Amino acid sequence: MRVDKWLASVNVVKRRTVASDMVKSGVVFINEMKAKASKNVVIGDKITIEYLNGAKNYEVLQIPTTKTIPKSKKDEYVKEL
């Protein structure tokens, strides 16, 4: 699954367009390497998003099979580090 789609599917960001803009701006890193929108995420990847007030780190636990998941199941798909 593409990194921008994954970010939106697991409710890290609200919309996929926002996730795409973040990737294009160069603030999303996968395993400490700058991500491109077409980069696929796999289980175990470490994703870092650099916000203005600090960075947030996430670990991919699962890849969703649907477009979005319920917010109550977010912990099954992503772990905030």
PDB file of N, CA and C in Angstrom:
ATOM      1  N   MET A   1       0.849  -1.170   0.000  1.00  0.00           N
ATOM      2  CA  MET A   1       0.000   0.000   0.000  1.00  0.00           C
ATOM      3  C   MET A   1       0.899   1.238   0.000  1.00  0.00           C
ATOM      4  N   ARG A   2       0.524   2.227  -0.801  1.00  0.00           N
ATOM      5  CA  ARG A   2       1.285   3.476  -0.892  1.00  0.00           C
ATOM      6  C   ARG A   2       1.287   4.193   0.458  1.00  0.00           C
ATOM      7  N   VAL A   3       2.359   4.906   0.730  1.00  0.00           N
ATOM      8  CA  VAL A   3       2.505   5.560   2.032  1.00  0.00           C
ATOM      9  C   VAL A   3       1.423   6.611   2.258  1.00  0.00           C
ATOM     10  N   ASP A   4       1.066   7.382   1.234  1.00  0.00           N
ATOM     11  CA  ASP A   4       0.027   8.399   1.436  1.00  0.00           C
ATOM     12  C   ASP A   4      -1.335   7.756   1.697  1.00  0.00           C
ATOM     13  N   LYS A   5      -1.620   6.663   1.028  1.00  0.00           N
ATOM     14  CA  LYS A   5      -2.885   5.968   1.243  1.00  0.00           C
ATOM     15  C   LYS A   5      -2.912   5.327   2.629  1.00  0.00           C
ATOM     16  N   TRP A   6      -1.784   4.779   3.064  1.00  0.00           N
ATOM     17  CA  TRP A   6      -1.715   4.155   4.385  1.00  0.00           C
ATOM     18  C   TRP A   6      -1.938   5.174   5.490  1.00  0.00           C
ATOM     19  N   LEU A   7      -1.299   6.341   5.365  1.00  0.00           N
ATOM     20  CA  LEU A   7      -1.458   7.388   6.385  1.00  0.00           C
ATOM     21  C   LEU A   7      -2.913   7.793   6.554  1.00  0.00           C
ATOM     22  N   ALA A   8      -3.645   7.880   5.448  1.00  0.00           N
ATOM     23  CA  ALA A   8      -5.058   8.252   5.514  1.00  0.00           C
ATOM     24  C   ALA A   8      -5.916   7.087   5.996  1.00  0.00           C
ATOM     25  N   SER A   9      -5.599   5.872   5.581  1.00  0.00           N
ATOM     26  CA  SER A   9      -6.411   4.704   5.943  1.00  0.00           C
ATOM     27  C   SER A   9      -6.387   4.406   7.430  1.00  0.00           C
ATOM     28  N   VAL A  10      -5.243   4.586   8.067  1.00  0.00           N
ATOM     29  CA  VAL A  10      -5.133   4.262   9.494  1.00  0.00           C
ATOM     30  C   VAL A  10      -5.349   5.484  10.389  1.00  0.00           C
ATOM     31  N   ASN A  11      -5.860   6.550   9.818  1.00  0.00           N
ATOM     32  CA  ASN A  11      -6.257   7.751  10.562  1.00  0.00           C
ATOM     33  C   ASN A  11      -5.091   8.487  11.210  1.00  0.00           C
ATOM     34  N   VAL A  12      -3.915   8.454  10.601  1.00  0.00           N
ATOM     35  CA  VAL A  12      -2.813   9.289  11.074  1.00  0.00           C
ATOM     36  C   VAL A  12      -3.055  10.721  10.607  1.00  0.00           C
ATOM     37  N   VAL A  13      -3.527  10.887   9.372  1.00  0.00           N
ATOM     38  CA  VAL A  13      -3.953  12.183   8.851  1.00  0.00           C
ATOM     39  C   VAL A  13      -5.398  12.051   8.397  1.00  0.00           C
ATOM     40  N   LYS A  14      -6.090  13.187   8.272  1.00  0.00           N
ATOM     41  CA  LYS A  14      -7.523  13.133   7.996  1.00  0.00           C
ATOM     42  C   LYS A  14      -7.868  12.757   6.558  1.00  0.00           C
ATOM     43  N   ARG A  15      -7.081  13.266   5.596  1.00  0.00           N
ATOM     44  CA  ARG A  15      -7.417  13.014   4.195  1.00  0.00           C
ATOM     45  C   ARG A  15      -6.172  12.599   3.423  1.00  0.00           C
ATOM     46  N   ARG A  16      -6.394  11.841   2.349  1.00  0.00           N
ATOM     47  CA  ARG A  16      -5.274  11.383   1.536  1.00  0.00           C
ATOM     48  C   ARG A  16      -4.579  12.546   0.836  1.00  0.00           C
ATOM     49  N   THR A  17      -5.332  13.577   0.465  1.00  0.00           N
ATOM     50  CA  THR A  17      -4.697  14.729  -0.189  1.00  0.00           C
ATOM     51  C   THR A  17      -3.726  15.420   0.756  1.00  0.00           C
ATOM     52  N   VAL A  18      -4.072  15.471   2.035  1.00  0.00           N
ATOM     53  CA  VAL A  18      -3.167  16.047   3.032  1.00  0.00           C
ATOM     54  C   VAL A  18      -1.917  15.182   3.140  1.00  0.00           C
ATOM     55  N   ALA A  19      -2.098  13.867   3.150  1.00  0.00           N
ATOM     56  CA  ALA A  19      -0.958  12.952   3.221  1.00  0.00           C
ATOM     57  C   ALA A  19      -0.069  13.106   1.989  1.00  0.00           C
ATOM     58  N   SER A  20      -0.669  13.237   0.815  1.00  0.00           N
ATOM     59  CA  SER A  20       0.114  13.421  -0.417  1.00  0.00           C
ATOM     60  C   SER A  20       0.914  14.711  -0.371  1.00  0.00           C
ATOM     61  N   ASP A  21       0.290  15.784   0.114  1.00  0.00           N
ATOM     62  CA  ASP A  21       0.994  17.062   0.229  1.00  0.00           C
ATOM     63  C   ASP A  21       2.160  16.969   1.208  1.00  0.00           C
ATOM     64  N   MET A  22       1.974  16.238   2.302  1.00  0.00           N
ATOM     65  CA  MET A  22       3.042  16.079   3.276  1.00  0.00           C
ATOM     66  C   MET A  22       4.219  15.318   2.664  1.00  0.00           C
ATOM     67  N   VAL A  23       3.917  14.287   1.889  1.00  0.00           N
ATOM     68  CA  VAL A  23       4.981  13.511   1.247  1.00  0.00           C
ATOM     69  C   VAL A  23       5.717  14.378   0.231  1.00  0.00           C
ATOM     70  N   LYS A  24       4.970  15.146  -0.565  1.00  0.00           N
ATOM     71  CA  LYS A  24       5.584  16.024  -1.570  1.00  0.00           C
ATOM     72  C   LYS A  24       6.447  17.105  -0.915  1.00  0.00           C
ATOM     73  N   SER A  25       6.042  17.559   0.264  1.00  0.00           N
ATOM     74  CA  SER A  25       6.797  18.589   0.975  1.00  0.00           C
ATOM     75  C   SER A  25       8.073  18.049   1.608  1.00  0.00           C
ATOM     76  N   GLY A  26       8.205  16.745   1.684  1.00  0.00           N
ATOM     77  CA  GLY A  26       9.418  16.143   2.214  1.00  0.00           C
ATOM     78  C   GLY A  26       9.467  16.024   3.722  1.00  0.00           C
ATOM     79  N   VAL A  27       8.312  15.931   4.380  1.00  0.00           N
ATOM     80  CA  VAL A  27       8.301  15.820   5.839  1.00  0.00           C
ATOM     81  C   VAL A  27       8.003  14.399   6.307  1.00  0.00           C
ATOM     82  N   VAL A  28       7.806  13.466   5.362  1.00  0.00           N
ATOM     83  CA  VAL A  28       7.517  12.072   5.702  1.00  0.00           C
ATOM     84  C   VAL A  28       8.745  11.225   5.374  1.00  0.00           C
ATOM     85  N   PHE A  29       9.170  10.428   6.353  1.00  0.00           N
ATOM     86  CA  PHE A  29      10.331   9.559   6.182  1.00  0.00           C
ATOM     87  C   PHE A  29       9.945   8.126   6.498  1.00  0.00           C
ATOM     88  N   ILE A  30      10.442   7.190   5.701  1.00  0.00           N
ATOM     89  CA  ILE A  30      10.244   5.770   5.956  1.00  0.00           C
ATOM     90  C   ILE A  30      11.620   5.179   6.228  1.00  0.00           C
ATOM     91  N   ASN A  31      11.781   4.603   7.407  1.00  0.00           N
ATOM     92  CA  ASN A  31      13.068   4.034   7.828  1.00  0.00           C
ATOM     93  C   ASN A  31      14.201   5.036   7.639  1.00  0.00           C
ATOM     94  N   GLU A  32      13.958   6.279   8.055  1.00  0.00           N
ATOM     95  CA  GLU A  32      14.915   7.391   8.032  1.00  0.00           C
ATOM     96  C   GLU A  32      15.323   7.843   6.635  1.00  0.00           C
ATOM     97  N   MET A  33      14.557   7.459   5.620  1.00  0.00           N
ATOM     98  CA  MET A  33      14.803   7.931   4.251  1.00  0.00           C
ATOM     99  C   MET A  33      13.586   8.701   3.780  1.00  0.00           C
ATOM    100  N   LYS A  34      13.811   9.824   3.096  1.00  0.00           N
ATOM    101  CA  LYS A  34      12.705  10.646   2.621  1.00  0.00           C
ATOM    102  C   LYS A  34      11.810   9.820   1.707  1.00  0.00           C
ATOM    103  N   ALA A  35      10.509   9.861   1.959  1.00  0.00           N
ATOM    104  CA  ALA A  35       9.559   9.022   1.231  1.00  0.00           C
ATOM    105  C   ALA A  35       9.043   9.727  -0.013  1.00  0.00           C
ATOM    106  N   LYS A  36       8.739   8.929  -1.022  1.00  0.00           N
ATOM    107  CA  LYS A  36       8.010   9.397  -2.197  1.00  0.00           C
ATOM    108  C   LYS A  36       6.604   8.833  -2.084  1.00  0.00           C
ATOM    109  N   ALA A  37       5.637   9.496  -2.729  1.00  0.00           N
ATOM    110  CA  ALA A  37       4.238   9.082  -2.615  1.00  0.00           C
ATOM    111  C   ALA A  37       4.029   7.655  -3.114  1.00  0.00           C
ATOM    112  N   SER A  38       4.815   7.222  -4.063  1.00  0.00           N
ATOM    113  CA  SER A  38       4.635   5.889  -4.635  1.00  0.00           C
ATOM    114  C   SER A  38       5.288   4.790  -3.804  1.00  0.00           C
ATOM    115  N   LYS A  39       6.031   5.154  -2.753  1.00  0.00           N
ATOM    116  CA  LYS A  39       6.721   4.167  -1.922  1.00  0.00           C
ATOM    117  C   LYS A  39       5.717   3.309  -1.166  1.00  0.00           C
ATOM    118  N   ASN A  40       5.878   2.011  -1.253  1.00  0.00           N
ATOM    119  CA  ASN A  40       4.996   1.091  -0.535  1.00  0.00           C
ATOM    120  C   ASN A  40       5.500   0.878   0.880  1.00  0.00           C
ATOM    121  N   VAL A  41       4.562   0.772   1.820  1.00  0.00           N
ATOM    122  CA  VAL A  41       4.920   0.462   3.194  1.00  0.00           C
ATOM    123  C   VAL A  41       4.711  -1.030   3.421  1.00  0.00           C
ATOM    124  N   VAL A  42       5.532  -1.592   4.281  1.00  0.00           N
ATOM    125  CA  VAL A  42       5.403  -2.997   4.647  1.00  0.00           C
ATOM    126  C   VAL A  42       5.384  -3.083   6.164  1.00  0.00           C
ATOM    127  N   ILE A  43       4.936  -4.210   6.670  1.00  0.00           N
ATOM    128  CA  ILE A  43       4.863  -4.407   8.114  1.00  0.00           C
ATOM    129  C   ILE A  43       6.262  -4.282   8.713  1.00  0.00           C
ATOM    130  N   GLY A  44       6.386  -3.494   9.765  1.00  0.00           N
ATOM    131  CA  GLY A  44       7.660  -3.287  10.432  1.00  0.00           C
ATOM    132  C   GLY A  44       8.344  -1.983  10.070  1.00  0.00           C
ATOM    133  N   ASP A  45       7.859  -1.281   9.041  1.00  0.00           N
ATOM    134  CA  ASP A  45       8.452   0.003   8.655  1.00  0.00           C
ATOM    135  C   ASP A  45       8.259   1.030   9.757  1.00  0.00           C
ATOM    136  N   LYS A  46       9.233   1.897   9.910  1.00  0.00           N
ATOM    137  CA  LYS A  46       9.154   3.023  10.849  1.00  0.00           C
ATOM    138  C   LYS A  46       8.900   4.280  10.024  1.00  0.00           C
ATOM    139  N   ILE A  47       7.815   4.969  10.323  1.00  0.00           N
ATOM    140  CA  ILE A  47       7.451   6.182   9.594  1.00  0.00           C
ATOM    141  C   ILE A  47       7.579   7.369  10.531  1.00  0.00           C
ATOM    142  N   THR A  48       8.266   8.407  10.070  1.00  0.00           N
ATOM    143  CA  THR A  48       8.456   9.628  10.838  1.00  0.00           C
ATOM    144  C   THR A  48       7.830  10.777  10.068  1.00  0.00           C
ATOM    145  N   ILE A  49       7.047  11.590  10.765  1.00  0.00           N
ATOM    146  CA  ILE A  49       6.465  12.792  10.187  1.00  0.00           C
ATOM    147  C   ILE A  49       7.002  13.970  10.984  1.00  0.00           C
ATOM    148  N   GLU A  50       7.655  14.893  10.294  1.00  0.00           N
ATOM    149  CA  GLU A  50       8.233  16.064  10.964  1.00  0.00           C
ATOM    150  C   GLU A  50       7.263  17.232  10.886  1.00  0.00           C
ATOM    151  N   TYR A  51       6.609  17.517  11.996  1.00  0.00           N
ATOM    152  CA  TYR A  51       5.722  18.671  12.109  1.00  0.00           C
ATOM    153  C   TYR A  51       6.548  19.870  12.531  1.00  0.00           C
ATOM    154  N   LEU A  52       5.947  21.056  12.506  1.00  0.00           N
ATOM    155  CA  LEU A  52       6.657  22.265  12.911  1.00  0.00           C
ATOM    156  C   LEU A  52       7.060  22.240  14.380  1.00  0.00           C
ATOM    157  N   ASN A  53       6.222  21.634  15.215  1.00  0.00           N
ATOM    158  CA  ASN A  53       6.507  21.616  16.656  1.00  0.00           C
ATOM    159  C   ASN A  53       7.155  20.313  17.124  1.00  0.00           C
ATOM    160  N   GLY A  54       7.661  19.497  16.205  1.00  0.00           N
ATOM    161  CA  GLY A  54       8.333  18.257  16.580  1.00  0.00           C
ATOM    162  C   GLY A  54       7.967  17.113  15.656  1.00  0.00           C
ATOM    163  N   ALA A  55       8.653  16.017  15.817  1.00  0.00           N
ATOM    164  CA  ALA A  55       8.430  14.854  14.960  1.00  0.00           C
ATOM    165  C   ALA A  55       7.608  13.797  15.695  1.00  0.00           C
ATOM    166  N   LYS A  56       6.842  13.036  14.917  1.00  0.00           N
ATOM    167  CA  LYS A  56       6.092  11.900  15.458  1.00  0.00           C
ATOM    168  C   LYS A  56       6.556  10.661  14.717  1.00  0.00           C
ATOM    169  N   ASN A  57       6.744   9.586  15.478  1.00  0.00           N
ATOM    170  CA  ASN A  57       7.215   8.328  14.909  1.00  0.00           C
ATOM    171  C   ASN A  57       6.129   7.268  15.032  1.00  0.00           C
ATOM    172  N   TYR A  58       5.991   6.475  13.990  1.00  0.00           N
ATOM    173  CA  TYR A  58       4.990   5.413  13.950  1.00  0.00           C
ATOM    174  C   TYR A  58       5.631   4.132  13.441  1.00  0.00           C
ATOM    175  N   GLU A  59       5.066   2.998  13.852  1.00  0.00           N
ATOM    176  CA  GLU A  59       5.492   1.706  13.325  1.00  0.00           C
ATOM    177  C   GLU A  59       4.294   1.038  12.678  1.00  0.00           C
ATOM    178  N   VAL A  60       4.502   0.469  11.486  1.00  0.00           N
ATOM    179  CA  VAL A  60       3.443  -0.213  10.746  1.00  0.00           C
ATOM    180  C   VAL A  60       3.273  -1.605  11.339  1.00  0.00           C
ATOM    181  N   LEU A  61       2.070  -1.899  11.871  1.00  0.00           N
ATOM    182  CA  LEU A  61       1.788  -3.210  12.440  1.00  0.00           C
ATOM    183  C   LEU A  61       1.021  -4.099  11.470  1.00  0.00           C
ATOM    184  N   GLN A  62       0.118  -3.493  10.690  1.00  0.00           N
ATOM    185  CA  GLN A  62      -0.675  -4.219   9.708  1.00  0.00           C
ATOM    186  C   GLN A  62      -0.969  -3.305   8.534  1.00  0.00           C
ATOM    187  N   ILE A  63      -1.321  -3.910   7.404  1.00  0.00           N
ATOM    188  CA  ILE A  63      -1.748  -3.167   6.228  1.00  0.00           C
ATOM    189  C   ILE A  63      -3.254  -3.362   6.110  1.00  0.00           C
ATOM    190  N   PRO A  64      -4.044  -2.278   6.119  1.00  0.00           N
ATOM    191  CA  PRO A  64      -5.498  -2.433   6.020  1.00  0.00           C
ATOM    192  C   PRO A  64      -5.919  -2.944   4.638  1.00  0.00           C
ATOM    193  N   THR A  65      -6.985  -3.726   4.619  1.00  0.00           N
ATOM    194  CA  THR A  65      -7.503  -4.241   3.354  1.00  0.00           C
ATOM    195  C   THR A  65      -8.650  -3.397   2.825  1.00  0.00           C
ATOM    196  N   THR A  66      -9.162  -2.483   3.655  1.00  0.00           N
ATOM    197  CA  THR A  66     -10.250  -1.602   3.233  1.00  0.00           C
ATOM    198  C   THR A  66      -9.732  -0.177   3.115  1.00  0.00           C
ATOM    199  N   LYS A  67     -10.567   0.696   2.561  1.00  0.00           N
ATOM    200  CA  LYS A  67     -10.152   2.082   2.344  1.00  0.00           C
ATOM    201  C   LYS A  67      -9.864   2.800   3.653  1.00  0.00           C
ATOM    202  N   THR A  68     -10.716   2.615   4.631  1.00  0.00           N
ATOM    203  CA  THR A  68     -10.500   3.208   5.953  1.00  0.00           C
ATOM    204  C   THR A  68     -10.827   2.176   7.023  1.00  0.00           C
ATOM    205  N   ILE A  69     -10.278   2.409   8.196  1.00  0.00           N
ATOM    206  CA  ILE A  69     -10.570   1.533   9.329  1.00  0.00           C
ATOM    207  C   ILE A  69     -11.250   2.370  10.406  1.00  0.00           C
ATOM    208  N   PRO A  70     -12.009   1.740  11.294  1.00  0.00           N
ATOM    209  CA  PRO A  70     -12.592   2.496  12.406  1.00  0.00           C
ATOM    210  C   PRO A  70     -11.498   3.027  13.325  1.00  0.00           C
ATOM    211  N   LYS A  71     -11.714   4.211  13.875  1.00  0.00           N
ATOM    212  CA  LYS A  71     -10.716   4.806  14.761  1.00  0.00           C
ATOM    213  C   LYS A  71     -10.451   3.936  15.986  1.00  0.00           C
ATOM    214  N   SER A  72     -11.435   3.144  16.391  1.00  0.00           N
ATOM    215  CA  SER A  72     -11.255   2.277  17.554  1.00  0.00           C
ATOM    216  C   SER A  72     -10.266   1.147  17.283  1.00  0.00           C
ATOM    217  N   LYS A  73     -10.005   0.827  16.013  1.00  0.00           N
ATOM    218  CA  LYS A  73      -9.076  -0.248  15.667  1.00  0.00           C
ATOM    219  C   LYS A  73      -7.722   0.270  15.198  1.00  0.00           C
ATOM    220  N   LYS A  74      -7.469   1.552  15.378  1.00  0.00           N
ATOM    221  CA  LYS A  74      -6.212   2.158  14.932  1.00  0.00           C
ATOM    222  C   LYS A  74      -5.006   1.475  15.560  1.00  0.00           C
ATOM    223  N   ASP A  75      -5.116   1.073  16.835  1.00  0.00           N
ATOM    224  CA  ASP A  75      -3.985   0.468  17.548  1.00  0.00           C
ATOM    225  C   ASP A  75      -3.564  -0.878  16.969  1.00  0.00           C
ATOM    226  N   GLU A  76      -4.440  -1.520  16.182  1.00  0.00           N
ATOM    227  CA  GLU A  76      -4.086  -2.789  15.553  1.00  0.00           C
ATOM    228  C   GLU A  76      -3.212  -2.588  14.317  1.00  0.00           C
ATOM    229  N   TYR A  77      -3.229  -1.389  13.746  1.00  0.00           N
ATOM    230  CA  TYR A  77      -2.547  -1.119  12.487  1.00  0.00           C
ATOM    231  C   TYR A  77      -1.298  -0.261  12.649  1.00  0.00           C
ATOM    232  N   VAL A  78      -1.274   0.594  13.662  1.00  0.00           N
ATOM    233  CA  VAL A  78      -0.157   1.519  13.828  1.00  0.00           C
ATOM    234  C   VAL A  78       0.165   1.661  15.317  1.00  0.00           C
ATOM    235  N   LYS A  79       1.473   1.774  15.601  1.00  0.00           N
ATOM    236  CA  LYS A  79       1.911   1.998  16.978  1.00  0.00           C
ATOM    237  C   LYS A  79       2.723   3.275  16.997  1.00  0.00           C
ATOM    238  N   GLU A  80       2.321   4.212  17.863  1.00  0.00           N
ATOM    239  CA  GLU A  80       3.077   5.455  17.987  1.00  0.00           C
ATOM    240  C   GLU A  80       4.264   5.219  18.903  1.00  0.00           C
ATOM    241  N   LEU A  81       5.431   5.594  18.418  1.00  0.00           N
ATOM    242  CA  LEU A  81       6.665   5.356  19.187  1.00  0.00           C
ATOM    243  C   LEU A  81       7.070   6.593  19.966  1.00  0.00           C
TER     244      LEU A  81
END
